[in-house]
Protein backbone atom coordinates (compact mmCIF):
# COMPACT_ATOMS: atom_id res chain seq x y z
CA UNK A 1 51.77 41.18 142.23
CA UNK A 2 52.98 44.45 139.69
CA UNK A 3 52.89 48.00 140.34
CA UNK A 4 52.47 50.48 137.73
CA UNK A 5 54.23 53.90 137.83
CA UNK A 6 52.35 57.21 136.62
CA UNK A 7 52.59 58.17 133.37
CA UNK A 8 55.21 60.80 132.09
CA UNK A 9 54.13 63.08 128.86
CA UNK A 10 56.45 61.19 126.55
CA UNK A 11 54.30 58.09 127.57
CA UNK A 12 50.62 59.33 127.03
CA UNK A 13 48.48 57.31 125.22
CA UNK A 14 47.98 58.10 121.75
CA UNK A 15 44.64 59.18 120.86
CA UNK A 16 41.99 56.63 118.91
CA UNK A 17 39.38 56.45 117.09
CA UNK A 18 38.29 58.40 113.40
CA UNK A 19 40.24 61.01 112.85
CA UNK A 20 37.99 64.65 112.40
CA UNK A 21 37.36 64.90 108.91
CA UNK A 22 37.37 68.08 107.04
CA UNK A 23 35.56 68.36 103.64
CA UNK A 24 37.08 70.62 101.09
CA UNK A 25 34.03 72.33 99.51
CA UNK A 26 34.87 74.42 95.69
CA UNK A 27 32.21 77.07 95.13
CA UNK A 28 31.70 79.44 91.94
CA UNK A 29 32.74 82.70 93.89
CA UNK A 30 29.08 84.16 93.36
CA UNK A 31 26.74 86.59 96.27
CA UNK A 32 25.20 83.93 98.18
CA UNK A 33 27.29 80.64 97.60
CA UNK A 34 28.66 79.90 101.07
CA UNK A 35 24.75 80.89 102.69
CA UNK A 36 23.24 78.72 100.10
CA UNK A 37 25.87 75.99 100.98
CA UNK A 38 25.23 76.94 105.07
CA UNK A 39 21.64 76.04 104.27
CA UNK A 40 21.72 73.45 102.81
CA UNK A 41 23.55 71.71 105.70
CA UNK A 42 21.27 73.04 108.47
CA UNK A 43 18.15 72.17 106.19
CA UNK A 44 19.50 68.03 106.80
CA UNK A 45 20.59 68.98 110.27
CA UNK A 46 24.23 69.02 109.61
CA UNK A 47 26.28 71.48 111.74
CA UNK A 48 28.91 73.51 110.93
CA UNK A 49 32.15 73.24 113.68
CA UNK A 50 34.63 74.86 111.99
CA UNK A 51 34.89 77.05 108.63
CA UNK A 52 37.51 78.96 106.99
CA UNK A 53 36.76 80.59 103.29
CA UNK A 54 39.21 81.40 101.08
CA UNK A 55 38.18 83.04 97.63
CA UNK A 56 39.70 84.32 94.08
CA UNK A 57 38.27 85.55 91.31
CA UNK A 58 36.26 82.89 90.00
CA UNK A 59 36.01 80.46 92.79
CA UNK A 60 36.47 79.94 96.41
CA UNK A 61 37.50 76.96 98.59
CA UNK A 62 35.27 76.69 101.89
CA UNK A 63 37.08 74.51 104.34
CA UNK A 64 34.88 73.15 106.80
CA UNK A 65 34.49 70.57 109.47
CA UNK A 66 30.72 69.16 109.75
CA UNK A 67 29.52 67.46 112.57
CA UNK A 68 28.50 64.36 110.71
CA UNK A 69 31.09 64.16 107.54
CA UNK A 70 29.51 60.59 106.30
CA UNK A 71 26.11 62.32 105.69
CA UNK A 72 27.85 65.75 104.61
CA UNK A 73 29.99 63.97 101.53
CA UNK A 74 26.76 61.75 100.62
CA UNK A 75 24.78 65.02 100.28
CA UNK A 76 27.61 67.02 98.34
CA UNK A 77 27.83 64.16 96.08
CA UNK A 78 24.09 63.69 95.25
CA UNK A 79 23.86 67.91 95.00
CA UNK A 80 26.55 67.80 92.49
CA UNK A 81 29.17 70.10 94.37
CA UNK A 82 33.03 69.63 94.16
CA UNK A 83 34.27 68.77 97.15
CA UNK A 84 37.82 66.36 98.60
CA UNK A 85 37.42 65.37 102.30
CA UNK A 86 40.95 64.76 104.45
CA UNK A 87 41.95 63.97 107.59
CA UNK A 88 42.59 67.02 110.12
CA UNK A 89 44.08 67.54 113.29
CA UNK A 90 41.87 69.07 116.05
CA UNK A 91 44.08 69.74 119.16
CA UNK A 92 42.36 71.33 122.17
CA UNK A 93 44.60 74.29 123.30
CA UNK A 94 44.66 75.08 127.21
CA UNK A 95 43.28 78.60 128.31
CA UNK A 96 46.99 80.01 129.16
CA UNK A 97 48.87 82.42 127.75
CA UNK A 98 51.68 80.39 126.19
CA UNK A 99 49.23 76.89 125.06
CA UNK A 100 49.07 78.07 121.43
CA UNK A 101 53.23 78.46 121.41
CA UNK A 102 54.20 75.22 123.05
CA UNK A 103 51.64 73.06 120.94
CA UNK A 104 54.03 74.87 117.75
CA UNK A 105 56.99 74.30 119.27
CA UNK A 106 56.47 70.68 119.38
CA UNK A 107 55.39 70.93 116.23
CA UNK A 108 58.49 72.39 115.06
CA UNK A 109 60.23 70.68 117.15
CA UNK A 110 59.31 67.30 115.47
CA UNK A 111 59.82 69.10 112.42
CA UNK A 112 56.15 68.85 111.33
CA UNK A 113 55.18 71.34 108.93
CA UNK A 114 51.80 73.08 108.95
CA UNK A 115 50.07 73.11 105.45
CA UNK A 116 46.55 75.75 107.02
CA UNK A 117 45.19 76.01 110.02
CA UNK A 118 41.71 77.57 112.02
CA UNK A 119 39.74 77.49 114.64
CA UNK A 120 36.70 75.71 115.56
CA UNK A 121 33.17 76.86 116.40
CA UNK A 122 32.77 74.19 119.06
CA UNK A 123 34.49 74.32 122.22
CA UNK A 124 33.53 70.83 123.87
CA UNK A 125 35.48 71.09 126.93
CA UNK A 126 34.99 74.85 126.52
CA UNK A 127 38.79 75.11 125.90
CA UNK A 128 39.88 76.61 122.27
CA UNK A 129 40.24 74.27 119.34
CA UNK A 130 42.32 74.53 116.25
CA UNK A 131 42.47 72.55 113.67
CA UNK A 132 45.57 72.04 111.69
CA UNK A 133 46.16 70.29 108.23
CA UNK A 134 50.06 68.32 108.97
CA UNK A 135 52.07 67.18 106.64
CA UNK A 136 51.86 64.16 108.93
CA UNK A 137 49.10 63.85 110.43
CA UNK A 138 49.84 60.73 112.88
CA UNK A 139 53.00 61.97 113.68
CA UNK A 140 51.34 65.15 114.96
CA UNK A 141 49.17 63.62 116.69
CA UNK A 142 51.78 61.54 119.18
CA UNK A 143 53.77 64.99 119.12
CA UNK A 144 50.77 66.98 120.82
CA UNK A 145 49.85 64.24 122.94
CA UNK A 146 52.70 63.40 124.33
CA UNK A 147 53.51 67.65 124.69
CA UNK A 148 49.83 67.44 127.15
CA UNK A 149 47.64 68.40 124.29
CA UNK A 150 44.34 66.69 123.99
CA UNK A 151 43.97 65.41 120.05
CA UNK A 152 40.15 65.34 119.37
CA UNK A 153 38.60 62.66 117.31
CA UNK A 154 35.63 62.49 114.52
CA UNK A 155 33.85 60.81 118.00
CA UNK A 156 34.44 64.44 119.99
CA UNK A 157 32.86 66.78 117.68
CA UNK A 158 29.89 64.56 115.84
CA UNK A 159 27.10 65.79 117.41
């Protein structure tokens, strides 16, 4: 008969499942372009769970986390809308004063760079969710999990 001891922070299981997928969509910087994209997705029952917008004089880069990344990508291909799909790390923060500091400190101690970040509109467990594009997403997820954070998978967000 064997007994098992409780897991310590460093022994937490790494999250399993499909990573959260972000679509980076390139739009002409015109009045109503974002609205047209949102309307197109809404008409196909795709929810936008998170969004970041950066614009320049001619183009706008819309980073979004959709509820159904596969259908979203097929729709964008069908409509000829240029886009790129990439995995992102979605980490659930605790509603404490230092939660963000602890998450960033864990990544810093592992020397993981953050390329960009934004928050999600949805909060599956009623906690803030922070989306990060990391230079080493697998290691970043492991580090955040070991630090006691929940790293969300696509299955946690898709509806």
